[in-house]
Amino acid sequence: METFYVDGIANITMIDGVIRFDLVNITRFEKEKADIRPAGSLAMSLPALLRTYEQLTQAVNKMVEDGILKRNEAQQIVTDGTKSAN
């Protein structure tokens, strides 16, 4: 199995029930502007996307519980669509 490192996702589209992610790498920063290069693409079914979402949510929650990450208000809004009452 190969391992690919990517810095993020540039675009997400859904065509005929298939979710496609354009993956990118940041090659350098110049005057606060990133030079972004395509790194590949990823395609998955809608059920696979939902399973992946659940797995990633569980992984992030575990990192928060273990003290590896600290959730701030902006992350809480993105995570569950509500503001936290910290």
Protein backbone atom coordinates (compact mmCIF):
# COMPACT_ATOMS: atom_id res chain seq x y z
CA MET A 1 0.00 0.00 0.00
CA GLU A 2 1.28 3.47 -0.86
CA THR A 3 1.12 6.45 1.46
CA PHE A 4 0.43 9.91 0.05
CA TYR A 5 0.90 13.12 2.00
CA VAL A 6 -1.43 16.02 1.16
CA ASP A 7 -1.87 19.41 2.78
CA GLY A 8 -5.55 19.68 2.03
CA ILE A 9 -8.50 19.56 -0.32
CA ALA A 10 -8.95 22.18 -3.03
CA ASN A 11 -12.32 21.13 -4.35
CA ILE A 12 -15.14 18.73 -3.51
CA THR A 13 -17.76 17.74 -6.06
CA MET A 14 -20.51 15.14 -6.26
CA ILE A 15 -21.46 13.65 -9.61
CA ASP A 16 -23.87 10.71 -9.87
CA GLY A 17 -23.51 9.93 -6.17
CA VAL A 18 -19.71 9.82 -6.28
CA ILE A 19 -17.84 12.35 -4.13
CA ARG A 20 -14.58 13.58 -5.66
CA PHE A 21 -11.87 15.41 -3.71
CA ASP A 22 -9.06 17.30 -5.47
CA LEU A 23 -6.05 16.88 -3.18
CA VAL A 24 -3.30 19.51 -2.99
CA ASN A 25 0.10 20.18 -1.51
CA ILE A 26 1.45 23.56 -0.49
CA THR A 27 4.91 23.88 -2.00
CA ARG A 28 5.89 27.29 -0.61
CA PHE A 29 4.65 30.52 0.91
CA GLU A 30 5.50 33.90 -0.57
CA LYS A 31 4.21 37.13 0.97
CA GLU A 32 1.42 35.25 2.78
CA LYS A 33 0.31 33.55 -0.46
CA ALA A 34 0.58 29.79 -0.81
CA ASP A 35 1.79 28.05 -3.94
CA ILE A 36 -0.61 25.13 -4.23
CA ARG A 37 0.01 22.15 -6.50
CA PRO A 38 -2.37 19.30 -7.36
CA ALA A 39 -1.39 16.09 -5.58
CA GLY A 40 -4.08 13.74 -6.86
CA SER A 41 -7.73 13.00 -6.41
CA LEU A 42 -9.90 10.77 -4.29
CA ALA A 43 -13.33 9.40 -5.21
CA MET A 44 -15.75 7.63 -2.88
CA SER A 45 -19.40 6.73 -2.63
CA LEU A 46 -21.77 8.75 -0.46
CA PRO A 47 -22.01 5.91 2.11
CA ALA A 48 -18.20 5.76 2.23
CA LEU A 49 -18.06 9.53 2.80
CA LEU A 50 -20.49 9.26 5.71
CA ARG A 51 -18.49 6.40 7.28
CA THR A 52 -15.29 8.43 6.84
CA TYR A 53 -16.92 11.47 8.44
CA GLU A 54 -17.94 9.38 11.47
CA GLN A 55 -14.44 7.87 11.78
CA LEU A 56 -12.74 11.27 11.54
CA THR A 57 -15.15 12.77 14.09
CA GLN A 58 -14.38 9.94 16.50
CA ALA A 59 -10.62 10.37 15.96
CA VAL A 60 -10.76 14.13 16.62
CA ASN A 61 -12.94 13.63 19.70
CA LYS A 62 -10.46 11.07 21.04
CA MET A 63 -7.56 13.50 20.49
CA VAL A 64 -9.52 16.17 22.40
CA GLU A 65 -10.19 13.72 25.25
CA ASP A 66 -6.49 12.74 25.33
CA GLY A 67 -5.43 16.41 25.47
CA ILE A 68 -3.68 16.30 22.08
CA LEU A 69 -6.09 18.87 20.65
CA LYS A 70 -8.07 21.65 22.26
CA ARG A 71 -11.39 22.60 20.71
CA ASN A 72 -12.04 26.32 20.29
CA GLU A 73 -15.37 27.97 19.60
CA ALA A 74 -14.86 28.11 15.80
CA GLN A 75 -14.07 24.39 15.69
CA GLN A 76 -17.18 23.63 17.74
CA ILE A 77 -19.35 25.50 15.24
CA VAL A 78 -17.85 23.56 12.34
CA THR A 79 -18.07 20.24 14.18
CA ASP A 80 -21.74 20.18 15.06
CA GLY A 81 -23.33 23.35 13.69
CA THR A 82 -23.84 24.92 17.13
CA LYS A 83 -21.91 27.24 19.36
CA SER A 84 -20.34 25.77 22.44
CA ALA A 85 -21.24 27.13 25.85
CA ASN A 86 -17.62 27.20 27.11
